[in-house]
Every structure is written in C-alpha cells, then in structure tokens.
C-alpha atoms as a PDB file:
ATOM      1  CA  MET A   1     105.394 109.556  91.250  1.00  0.00           C
ATOM      2  CA  ALA A   2     102.561 112.269  91.977  1.00  0.00           C
ATOM      3  CA  LEU A   3     104.519 115.179  90.399  1.00  0.00           C
ATOM      4  CA  CYS A   4     105.299 112.842  87.577  1.00  0.00           C
ATOM      5  CA  SER A   5     101.548 112.104  87.076  1.00  0.00           C
ATOM      6  CA  ARG A   6     100.666 115.627  87.482  1.00  0.00           C
ATOM      7  CA  VAL A   7     103.218 116.777  84.783  1.00  0.00           C
ATOM      8  CA  VAL A   8     102.161 114.213  82.281  1.00  0.00           C
ATOM      9  CA  ARG A   9      98.623 115.285  82.899  1.00  0.00           C
ATOM     10  CA  SER A  10      99.040 118.639  82.414  1.00  0.00           C
ATOM     11  CA  GLY A  11     100.752 118.571  79.254  1.00  0.00           C
ATOM     12  CA  ILE A  12      98.031 116.433  77.809  1.00  0.00           C
ATOM     13  CA  ASN A  13      95.594 118.782  79.284  1.00  0.00           C
ATOM     14  CA  SER A  14      97.258 121.576  77.650  1.00  0.00           C
ATOM     15  CA  ALA A  15      97.890 119.898  74.443  1.00  0.00           C
ATOM     16  CA  ILE A  16      93.965 118.884  74.395  1.00  0.00           C
ATOM     17  CA  PHE A  17      93.134 122.300  75.065  1.00  0.00           C
ATOM     18  CA  PHE A  18      95.425 123.856  72.621  1.00  0.00           C
ATOM     19  CA  ALA A  19      93.931 121.363  70.111  1.00  0.00           C
ATOM     20  CA  LYS A  20      90.185 122.217  70.761  1.00  0.00           C
ATOM     21  CA  SER A  21      91.005 126.017  70.663  1.00  0.00           C
ATOM     22  CA  ARG A  22      92.722 125.724  67.050  1.00  0.00           C
ATOM     23  CA  ALA A  23      89.531 123.331  66.078  1.00  0.00           C
ATOM     24  CA  ILE A  24      86.890 126.197  67.469  1.00  0.00           C
ATOM     25  CA  ASN A  25      88.703 129.122  65.689  1.00  0.00           C
ATOM     26  CA  PRO A  26      91.275 128.211  62.846  1.00  0.00           C
ATOM     27  CA  SER A  27      91.431 131.846  61.703  1.00  0.00           C
ATOM     28  CA  SER A  28      92.984 133.450  65.142  1.00  0.00           C
ATOM     29  CA  SER A  29      95.458 130.239  65.449  1.00  0.00           C
ATOM     30  CA  SER A  30      96.703 130.947  62.106  1.00  0.00           C
ATOM     31  CA  SER A  31      97.164 134.689  62.637  1.00  0.00           C
ATOM     32  CA  PHE A  32      98.678 133.769  65.914  1.00  0.00           C
ATOM     33  CA  GLY A  33     101.200 131.533  64.192  1.00  0.00           C
ATOM     34  CA  ASN A  34     101.840 134.350  61.470  1.00  0.00           C
ATOM     35  CA  ARG A  35     102.449 136.551  64.376  1.00  0.00           C
ATOM     36  CA  PHE A  36     105.269 134.478  65.705  1.00  0.00           C
ATOM     37  CA  ASP A  37     107.057 133.831  62.610  1.00  0.00           C
ATOM     38  CA  TYR A  38     104.975 130.407  61.750  1.00  0.00           C
ATOM     39  CA  ARG A  39     106.524 128.607  64.914  1.00  0.00           C
ATOM     40  CA  HIS A  40     104.439 125.476  65.063  1.00  0.00           C
ATOM     41  CA  ILE A  41     103.462 123.145  67.898  1.00  0.00           C
ATOM     42  CA  SER A  42     103.831 119.299  67.547  1.00  0.00           C
ATOM     43  CA  GLN A  43     100.341 117.397  66.190  1.00  0.00           C
ATOM     44  CA  LEU A  44      99.279 114.252  66.799  1.00  0.00           C
ATOM     45  CA  VAL A  45     100.011 112.574  63.803  1.00  0.00           C
ATOM     46  CA  ARG A  46     101.984 109.226  62.882  1.00  0.00           C
ATOM     47  CA  PRO A  47     105.069 109.878  61.374  1.00  0.00           C
ATOM     48  CA  ASN A  48     106.867 107.576  58.664  1.00  0.00           C
ATOM     49  CA  ASN A  49     108.652 105.549  61.645  1.00  0.00           C
ATOM     50  CA  ASN A  50     105.013 104.678  62.750  1.00  0.00           C
ATOM     51  CA  LYS A  51     106.045 106.771  66.078  1.00  0.00           C
ATOM     52  CA  ARG A  52     103.399 108.199  68.211  1.00  0.00           C
ATOM     53  CA  ALA A  53     103.631 111.878  68.468  1.00  0.00           C
ATOM     54  CA  PHE A  54     101.965 113.967  71.400  1.00  0.00           C
ATOM     55  CA  LEU A  55     100.358 117.474  71.185  1.00  0.00           C
ATOM     56  CA  VAL A  56     102.987 119.856  73.181  1.00  0.00           C
ATOM     57  CA  ASP A  57     102.207 123.395  73.131  1.00  0.00           C
ATOM     58  CA  THR A  58     105.904 124.687  72.586  1.00  0.00           C
ATOM     59  CA  LEU A  59     104.944 127.895  71.730  1.00  0.00           C
ATOM     60  CA  ALA A  60     103.754 128.779  74.963  1.00  0.00           C
ATOM     61  CA  LEU A  61     106.457 127.135  76.799  1.00  0.00           C
ATOM     62  CA  VAL A  62     109.105 128.890  74.514  1.00  0.00           C
ATOM     63  CA  ARG A  63     107.340 132.449  75.174  1.00  0.00           C
ATOM     64  CA  GLY A  64     107.156 131.672  78.896  1.00  0.00           C
ATOM     65  CA  LEU A  65     110.908 131.187  78.943  1.00  0.00           C
ATOM     66  CA  GLU A  66     111.570 134.117  76.647  1.00  0.00           C
ATOM     67  CA  ALA A  67     109.515 136.214  79.444  1.00  0.00           C
ATOM     68  CA  GLN A  68     111.585 134.713  82.278  1.00  0.00           C
ATOM     69  CA  GLY A  69     115.007 136.449  80.457  1.00  0.00           C
ATOM     70  CA  VAL A  70     116.245 133.216  78.554  1.00  0.00           C
ATOM     71  CA  PRO A  71     117.315 134.003  75.289  1.00  0.00           C
ATOM     72  CA  SER A  72     115.408 132.928  72.064  1.00  0.00           C
ATOM     73  CA  LYS A  73     117.976 130.169  71.032  1.00  0.00           C
ATOM     74  CA  GLN A  74     118.045 128.381  74.257  1.00  0.00           C
ATOM     75  CA  ALA A  75     114.499 128.877  75.204  1.00  0.00           C
ATOM     76  CA  GLU A  76     114.004 126.946  71.781  1.00  0.00           C
ATOM     77  CA  ALA A  77     116.493 124.386  72.745  1.00  0.00           C
ATOM     78  CA  ILE A  78     115.066 123.735  76.427  1.00  0.00           C
ATOM     79  CA  THR A  79     111.515 123.297  74.685  1.00  0.00           C
ATOM     80  CA  ALA A  80     112.526 120.913  72.174  1.00  0.00           C
ATOM     81  CA  ALA A  81     114.226 119.260  75.070  1.00  0.00           C
ATOM     82  CA  ILE A  82     111.198 118.979  77.028  1.00  0.00           C
ATOM     83  CA  THR A  83     109.076 117.987  74.203  1.00  0.00           C
ATOM     84  CA  GLU A  84     111.443 115.140  73.483  1.00  0.00           C
ATOM     85  CA  VAL A  85     111.415 114.012  77.041  1.00  0.00           C
ATOM     86  CA  LEU A  86     107.495 114.696  77.191  1.00  0.00           C
ATOM     87  CA  ASN A  87     107.147 112.363  74.172  1.00  0.00           C
ATOM     88  CA  ASP A  88     109.496 109.534  74.991  1.00  0.00           C
ATOM     89  CA  SER A  89     107.598 109.362  78.784  1.00  0.00           C
ATOM     90  CA  LEU A  90     104.150 109.308  77.236  1.00  0.00           C
ATOM     91  CA  GLU A  91     105.630 106.914  74.567  1.00  0.00           C
ATOM     92  CA  ASN A  92     107.075 104.521  77.222  1.00  0.00           C
ATOM     93  CA  VAL A  93     103.627 104.758  79.111  1.00  0.00           C
ATOM     94  CA  ALA A  94     101.874 104.002  76.011  1.00  0.00           C
ATOM     95  CA  HIS A  95     103.807 101.015  75.778  1.00  0.00           C
ATOM     96  CA  SER A  96     103.644 100.043  78.960  1.00  0.00           C
ATOM     97  CA  PHE A  97      99.778 100.245  79.689  1.00  0.00           C
ATOM     98  CA  VAL A  98      97.621  97.798  78.324  1.00  0.00           C
ATOM     99  CA  SER A  99      95.005  99.553  75.901  1.00  0.00           C
ATOM    100  CA  LYS A 100      91.292  99.327  76.101  1.00  0.00           C
ATOM    101  CA  ALA A 101      91.342  97.212  72.990  1.00  0.00           C
ATOM    102  CA  GLU A 102      93.756  94.526  74.374  1.00  0.00           C
ATOM    103  CA  MET A 103      91.797  94.930  78.246  1.00  0.00           C
ATOM    104  CA  GLN A 104      88.191  93.934  76.393  1.00  0.00           C
ATOM    105  CA  LYS A 105      90.010  91.151  74.582  1.00  0.00           C
ATOM    106  CA  SER A 106      91.470  89.695  77.471  1.00  0.00           C
ATOM    107  CA  GLU A 107      88.561  90.268  79.145  1.00  0.00           C
ATOM    108  CA  MET A 108      86.555  88.383  76.433  1.00  0.00           C
ATOM    109  CA  ILE A 109      88.767  85.580  76.739  1.00  0.00           C
ATOM    110  CA  GLN A 110      88.720  85.382  80.389  1.00  0.00           C
ATOM    111  CA  ASP A 111      85.117  85.199  80.105  1.00  0.00           C
ATOM    112  CA  SER A 112      85.134  82.858  77.369  1.00  0.00           C
ATOM    113  CA  ASN A 113      87.335  80.847  79.483  1.00  0.00           C
ATOM    114  CA  LEU A 114      85.002  81.177  82.615  1.00  0.00           C
ATOM    115  CA  SER A 115      82.144  80.228  80.418  1.00  0.00           C
ATOM    116  CA  LYS A 116      83.889  76.928  79.569  1.00  0.00           C
ATOM    117  CA  PHE A 117      85.139  76.616  83.020  1.00  0.00           C
ATOM    118  CA  LYS A 118      81.831  77.106  84.252  1.00  0.00           C
ATOM    119  CA  SER A 119      80.387  74.513  81.746  1.00  0.00           C
ATOM    120  CA  GLU A 120      82.564  71.981  83.079  1.00  0.00           C
ATOM    121  CA  VAL A 121      82.317  72.268  86.498  1.00  0.00           C
ATOM    122  CA  GLN A 122      78.252  72.463  86.037  1.00  0.00           C
ATOM    123  CA  SER A 123      78.676  68.797  85.649  1.00  0.00           C
ATOM    124  CA  SER A 124      80.754  68.357  88.830  1.00  0.00           C
ATOM    125  CA  GLN A 125      79.420  68.167  92.301  1.00  0.00           C
ATOM    126  CA  ASN A 126      81.760  70.593  93.651  1.00  0.00           C
ATOM    127  CA  LEU A 127      80.077  73.798  92.416  1.00  0.00           C
ATOM    128  CA  GLU A 128      81.124  75.952  95.291  1.00  0.00           C
ATOM    129  CA  VAL A 129      84.549  75.105  95.238  1.00  0.00           C
ATOM    130  CA  VAL A 130      84.874  75.906  91.686  1.00  0.00           C
ATOM    131  CA  LYS A 131      83.326  79.297  91.930  1.00  0.00           C
ATOM    132  CA  GLY A 132      85.546  80.210  94.630  1.00  0.00           C
ATOM    133  CA  ARG A 133      88.534  79.059  92.566  1.00  0.00           C
ATOM    134  CA  ILE A 134      87.134  81.382  89.878  1.00  0.00           C
ATOM    135  CA  GLU A 135      87.020  84.181  91.847  1.00  0.00           C
ATOM    136  CA  SER A 136      90.101  84.118  93.171  1.00  0.00           C
ATOM    137  CA  LEU A 137      91.399  83.550  89.789  1.00  0.00           C
ATOM    138  CA  THR A 138      89.415  86.566  88.471  1.00  0.00           C
ATOM    139  CA  VAL A 139      90.615  88.713  91.719  1.00  0.00           C
ATOM    140  CA  TYR A 140      94.050  87.360  91.190  1.00  0.00           C
ATOM    141  CA  ASN A 141      94.446  88.392  87.141  1.00  0.00           C
ATOM    142  CA  LEU A 142      92.686  92.002  88.328  1.00  0.00           C
ATOM    143  CA  GLU A 143      95.663  92.216  90.773  1.00  0.00           C
ATOM    144  CA  ARG A 144      98.133  91.573  88.544  1.00  0.00           C
ATOM    145  CA  LEU A 145      96.868  93.919  85.651  1.00  0.00           C
ATOM    146  CA  GLN A 146      96.660  96.482  88.520  1.00  0.00           C
ATOM    147  CA  TRP A 147     100.378  96.060  89.621  1.00  0.00           C
ATOM    148  CA  LYS A 148     101.563  95.553  86.563  1.00  0.00           C
ATOM    149  CA  ASN A 149     100.173  99.207  85.150  1.00  0.00           C
ATOM    150  CA  PHE A 150     101.128 100.590  88.554  1.00  0.00           C
ATOM    151  CA  PHE A 151     104.874  99.308  87.967  1.00  0.00           C
ATOM    152  CA  SER A 152     104.708 100.571  84.581  1.00  0.00           C
ATOM    153  CA  LEU A 153     103.093 104.157  85.573  1.00  0.00           C
ATOM    154  CA  SER A 154     106.057 104.181  88.467  1.00  0.00           C
ATOM    155  CA  GLU A 155     108.324 103.201  85.463  1.00  0.00           C
ATOM    156  CA  ALA A 156     107.568 106.005  83.205  1.00  0.00           C
ATOM    157  CA  CYS A 157     107.404 108.466  86.245  1.00  0.00           C
ATOM    158  CA  GLY A 158     110.748 107.361  87.345  1.00  0.00           C
ATOM    159  CA  LEU A 159     112.006 108.063  83.711  1.00  0.00           C
ATOM    160  CA  VAL A 160     110.230 111.557  83.522  1.00  0.00           C
ATOM    161  CA  THR A 161     111.981 112.433  86.470  1.00  0.00           C
ATOM    162  CA  GLU A 162     115.056 111.279  85.638  1.00  0.00           C
ATOM    163  CA  ARG A 163     114.970 113.489  82.341  1.00  0.00           C
ATOM    164  CA  GLY A 164     113.914 116.356  84.138  1.00  0.00           C
ATOM    165  CA  MET A 165     116.556 115.979  86.473  1.00  0.00           C
ATOM    166  CA  LYS A 166     119.254 115.770  83.656  1.00  0.00           C
ATOM    167  CA  LEU A 167     118.074 118.620  82.097  1.00  0.00           C
ATOM    168  CA  SER A 168     117.879 121.137  84.891  1.00  0.00           C
ATOM    169  CA  ILE A 169     121.404 119.500  85.706  1.00  0.00           C
ATOM    170  CA  MET A 170     122.293 120.088  81.644  1.00  0.00           C
ATOM    171  CA  GLN A 171     121.101 123.858  82.114  1.00  0.00           C
ATOM    172  CA  GLU A 172     122.562 124.496  85.425  1.00  0.00           C
ATOM    173  CA  HIS A 173     126.136 123.153  84.042  1.00  0.00           C
ATOM    174  CA  HIS A 174     125.331 125.548  80.728  1.00  0.00           C
ATOM    175  CA  PHE A 175     124.858 128.367  82.938  1.00  0.00           C
ATOM    176  CA  SER A 176     127.971 127.937  85.190  1.00  0.00           C
ATOM    177  CA  LEU A 177     129.882 127.487  81.811  1.00  0.00           C
ATOM    178  CA  LEU A 178     128.461 131.081  80.673  1.00  0.00           C
ATOM    179  CA  GLN A 179     129.272 132.425  84.054  1.00  0.00           C
ATOM    180  CA  ARG A 180     132.877 131.047  84.170  1.00  0.00           C
ATOM    181  CA  GLU A 181     133.388 132.352  80.641  1.00  0.00           C
ATOM    182  CA  THR A 182     131.789 135.893  81.612  1.00  0.00           C
ATOM    183  CA  GLU A 183     134.344 136.034  84.598  1.00  0.00           C
ATOM    184  CA  LYS A 184     137.250 134.915  82.125  1.00  0.00           C
ATOM    185  CA  LEU A 185     136.583 137.455  80.119  1.00  0.00           C
ATOM    186  CA  ARG A 186     136.410 140.093  82.603  1.00  0.00           C
ATOM    187  CA  GLY A 187     139.339 139.121  83.983  1.00  0.00           C
ATOM    188  CA  ASP A 188     141.221 139.289  80.681  1.00  0.00           C
ATOM    189  CA  ILE A 189     139.613 142.363  80.265  1.00  0.00           C
ATOM    190  CA  ASP A 190     140.625 143.889  83.534  1.00  0.00           C
ATOM    191  CA  LYS A 191     144.429 142.495  82.793  1.00  0.00           C
ATOM    192  CA  MET A 192     144.550 144.142  79.259  1.00  0.00           C
ATOM    193  CA  ARG A 193     143.169 147.307  80.661  1.00  0.00           C
ATOM    194  CA  SER A 194     145.899 147.294  83.522  1.00  0.00           C
ATOM    195  CA  GLU A 195     148.570 146.420  80.819  1.00  0.00           C
ATOM    196  CA  LEU A 196     147.512 148.971  78.756  1.00  0.00           C
ATOM    197  CA  ARG A 197     147.606 151.636  81.498  1.00  0.00           C
ATOM    198  CA  TYR A 198     150.834 150.471  82.437  1.00  0.00           C
ATOM    199  CA  GLU A 199     152.194 150.943  78.824  1.00  0.00           C
ATOM    200  CA  ILE A 200     150.298 154.313  78.618  1.00  0.00           C
ATOM    201  CA  ASP A 201     152.419 155.445  81.917  1.00  0.00           C
ATOM    202  CA  LYS A 202     155.489 154.051  80.703  1.00  0.00           C
ATOM    203  CA  VAL A 203     155.225 155.740  77.462  1.00  0.00           C
ATOM    204  CA  THR A 204     154.333 159.218  79.120  1.00  0.00           C
ATOM    205  CA  ALA A 205     157.041 158.772  81.307  1.00  0.00           C
ATOM    206  CA  GLY A 206     159.614 158.038  78.927  1.00  0.00           C
ATOM    207  CA  GLN A 207     158.548 161.145  76.928  1.00  0.00           C
ATOM    208  CA  ARG A 208     158.587 163.601  79.780  1.00  0.00           C
ATOM    209  CA  LEU A 209     162.331 162.231  80.515  1.00  0.00           C
ATOM    210  CA  ASP A 210     163.075 162.783  76.972  1.00  0.00           C
ATOM    211  CA  LEU A 211     161.367 166.460  76.888  1.00  0.00           C
ATOM    212  CA  ASN A 212     163.514 167.167  80.189  1.00  0.00           C
ATOM    213  CA  LEU A 213     166.414 166.136  78.657  1.00  0.00           C
ATOM    214  CA  GLU A 214     165.902 167.969  75.643  1.00  0.00           C
ATOM    215  CA  ARG A 215     165.011 170.956  77.657  1.00  0.00           C
ATOM    216  CA  GLY A 216     168.269 170.520  79.415  1.00  0.00           C
ATOM    217  CA  ARG A 217     170.042 170.311  76.432  1.00  0.00           C
ATOM    218  CA  ILE A 218     168.732 173.307  74.734  1.00  0.00           C
ATOM    219  CA  ARG A 219     169.166 175.540  78.000  1.00  0.00           C
ATOM    220  CA  ASP A 220     172.819 174.106  78.013  1.00  0.00           C
ATOM    221  CA  GLU A 221     173.193 175.377  74.081  1.00  0.00           C
ATOM    222  CA  LEU A 222     171.939 178.457  75.027  1.00  0.00           C
ATOM    223  CA  ALA A 223     173.798 179.174  77.940  1.00  0.00           C
ATOM    224  CA  ASN A 224     177.059 178.120  75.681  1.00  0.00           C
ATOM    225  CA  GLN A 225     175.913 180.541  72.855  1.00  0.00           C
ATOM    226  CA  ASN A 226     175.350 183.398  75.628  1.00  0.00           C
ATOM    227  CA  ALA A 227     178.736 182.831  76.751  1.00  0.00           C
ATOM    228  CA  GLU A 228     180.323 182.900  73.321  1.00  0.00           C
ATOM    229  CA  THR A 229     178.490 185.871  72.262  1.00  0.00           C
ATOM    230  CA  THR A 230     179.904 187.312  75.390  1.00  0.00           C
ATOM    231  CA  ASN A 231     183.121 186.434  74.491  1.00  0.00           C
ATOM    232  CA  LEU A 232     182.592 187.889  70.959  1.00  0.00           C
ATOM    233  CA  THR A 233     181.523 191.175  72.467  1.00  0.00           C
ATOM    234  CA  ASN A 234     184.388 191.392  74.687  1.00  0.00           C
ATOM    235  CA  LYS A 235     186.604 190.509  71.782  1.00  0.00           C
ATOM    236  CA  LEU A 236     185.229 192.985  69.544  1.00  0.00           C
ATOM    237  CA  ASP A 237     185.207 195.962  71.895  1.00  0.00           C
ATOM    238  CA  ARG A 238     188.689 195.134  72.639  1.00  0.00           C
ATOM    239  CA  GLU A 239     189.584 195.336  68.981  1.00  0.00           C
ATOM    240  CA  ILE A 240     187.617 198.606  68.908  1.00  0.00           C
ATOM    241  CA  HIS A 241     189.141 200.423  71.533  1.00  0.00           C
ATOM    242  CA  ALA A 242     192.778 199.071  70.168  1.00  0.00           C
ATOM    243  CA  LEU A 243     191.897 200.085  66.863  1.00  0.00           C
ATOM    244  CA  ARG A 244     190.417 203.399  68.154  1.00  0.00           C
ATOM    245  CA  ALA A 245     193.923 204.171  69.970  1.00  0.00           C
ATOM    246  CA  HIS A 246     195.877 202.968  67.123  1.00  0.00           C
ATOM    247  CA  LEU A 247     193.974 205.632  65.168  1.00  0.00           C
ATOM    248  CA  GLU A 248     194.262 208.262  67.802  1.00  0.00           C
ATOM    249  CA  ALA A 249     198.184 206.960  67.723  1.00  0.00           C
ATOM    250  CA  ALA A 250     198.195 207.517  63.993  1.00  0.00           C
ATOM    251  CA  LYS A 251     196.445 210.862  64.210  1.00  0.00           C
ATOM    252  CA  TYR A 252     199.190 212.431  66.465  1.00  0.00           C
ATOM    253  CA  ASP A 253     201.664 210.924  64.277  1.00  0.00           C
ATOM    254  CA  VAL A 254     200.461 212.567  61.246  1.00  0.00           C
ATOM    255  CA  ILE A 255     199.901 216.284  63.123  1.00  0.00           C
ATOM    256  CA  LYS A 256     203.568 215.447  64.286  1.00  0.00           C
ATOM    257  CA  TYR A 257     204.982 214.925  60.802  1.00  0.00           C
ATOM    258  CA  CYS A 258     202.888 217.903  59.198  1.00  0.00           C
ATOM    259  CA  ILE A 259     204.083 220.314  61.668  1.00  0.00           C
ATOM    260  CA  GLY A 260     207.689 218.991  61.172  1.00  0.00           C
ATOM    261  CA  THR A 261     207.070 219.484  57.258  1.00  0.00           C
ATOM    262  CA  LEU A 262     205.605 222.574  57.676  1.00  0.00           C
ATOM    263  CA  VAL A 263     208.703 223.942  59.999  1.00  0.00           C
ATOM    264  CA  SER A 264     210.803 222.499  57.656  1.00  0.00           C
ATOM    265  CA  ILE A 265     209.454 224.066  54.755  1.00  0.00           C
ATOM    266  CA  CYS A 266     209.371 227.593  56.724  1.00  0.00           C
ATOM    267  CA  ALA A 267     212.960 227.019  57.557  1.00  0.00           C
ATOM    268  CA  VAL A 268     213.970 226.544  54.109  1.00  0.00           C
ATOM    269  CA  GLY A 269     212.004 229.133  52.749  1.00  0.00           C
ATOM    270  CA  ILE A 270     213.314 231.725  55.430  1.00  0.00           C
ATOM    271  CA  ALA A 271     216.719 230.371  54.700  1.00  0.00           C
ATOM    272  CA  THR A 272     216.215 230.859  51.019  1.00  0.00           C
ATOM    273  CA  VAL A 273     215.008 234.516  51.228  1.00  0.00           C
ATOM    274  CA  ARG A 274     217.981 235.211  53.607  1.00  0.00           C
ATOM    275  CA  ILE A 275     220.072 233.987  50.647  1.00  0.00           C
ATOM    276  CA  LEU A 276     218.408 235.961  47.736  1.00  0.00           C
ATOM    277  CA  LEU A 277     218.456 238.926  49.884  1.00  0.00           C
END
C-alpha cells in the first residue's frame, strides 16, 4: 500500500512540476515539443465524456524507456498503458474519496444536527449524558469516514498494484515470445544453412564424379585412337614394304625381259648378217 501511494504521489508531483515548468517557460516547452516531433503529454482537462484526465509526463517515460534500450513503438505502448493505469487508478481514488466540498457539507449538516440536538437537549436535565452521546456520535462518524477513506485508498492501491503486475507480466510474456521467435528463426537459419551446405556438397560430388567419368572416357578414347593409329601405321608400313618388294620384283623382271629382248635382237641380227654374207 505504501508503494502504491508513493507511485501515485510521484506521478502527481511529476505532473504538477511539468505543468509549472510549462507555465513558467512556455517558449522552452514549445521548442522542446518541436524537437521531439510534437509528442505532447496528457493535460488536466475534461473531455467530452466528462471523465477526469490527469497530468502524466509521458515524454519523460518514453525517453527513459528508449534510453534503457526499448524500441520507440514499444516504449510508447508501455507509456500509454502506464498512463491509462495511472489515470484509471487516480480516477478510482477520486471517485472513492470524499471531496472537500462534500466533507464540508457533511460537517455543516452534522453541525446543524448537533446544534438542533443541543437545543433539544438543553431543555432536558441529562445534559452531560447528551454531551457524551454527541461526542461518541462525532467520534464514530469521524472514524467511519477515516475507515472509509482508508479502505478506498487500499482498494485503489491494490488496483494500481494489480495493473502494474499485469503490465509487467504482459511485458515479460512479450519479451519471452520475441525470444522464442528469435530462437526459432535462428534454428531455421541454421537448418537452411546445413541443407544448403549439404546440397552444395552433393552437387560438388556429382560434378567431381562426372568429371572423373568424362576424364576416364576421354582417356579410353585416346587409347583406342592411339591403338587404331598404331595399327594403321603398321598396316601402311606393311603395304609400303610389300609395294616396295613388288616394285623390286617388277624391276628385275623388266631388266630380265630387256636383256632377253636385246639378246634375241642380237641373235637375230647376227643370224641375218651371216645369212647375208
């Protein structure tokens, strides 16, 4: 309860201080607002729904959260939630407490009742008993009002504490969700990386195997071509040697035929010469 009252008091004091600073130096406040993209704070006004709004330095809260490393949108959402909780709590406190005018009105009614009661009991003989009764009634009414205010304050502080706990739980839940999403994305990235590495290794191994097979096929083709070339060379050599031998034999035959022809011609000539002589 003391913590809740301290939170409420600090919020009200900060709002009053900011309102005073705006009233003292409006030019600096306007330049400050222009510097931060015209982000205003809530003002003490009465909107159309006749609800009471309270001053809260939302800009300072947003800047404080951004200084702690919270993103701008999340800081604005948290500040809006805190402002709503504080306004609701202060509204509940304002509705639960007895206002000063109502207190004065109640005191005036009690004073009038007491004066009437005193005027009535003055005619009686038991004035002391009546005074004691009046004092007891007054003390009872005051204690009743005090207890009513105490319970209202306790209820408001409990509401503020509950809203703050809900807000912290929501923030922790949001952070845990973000952390789980980050871990999930990291796992997906690692999985995709491993799958990509596996595919790259698979393609590389397939290409290496294809290259080895192509190299072996080319080597076999070269060996076959070399063997065919060797066979053709050997066949050509054999043909050349055979042709050369055939030419030698033909040459010898031509020489032999030429010699035989010459001998025959000579013999015929000699025979002719002998016949003529």
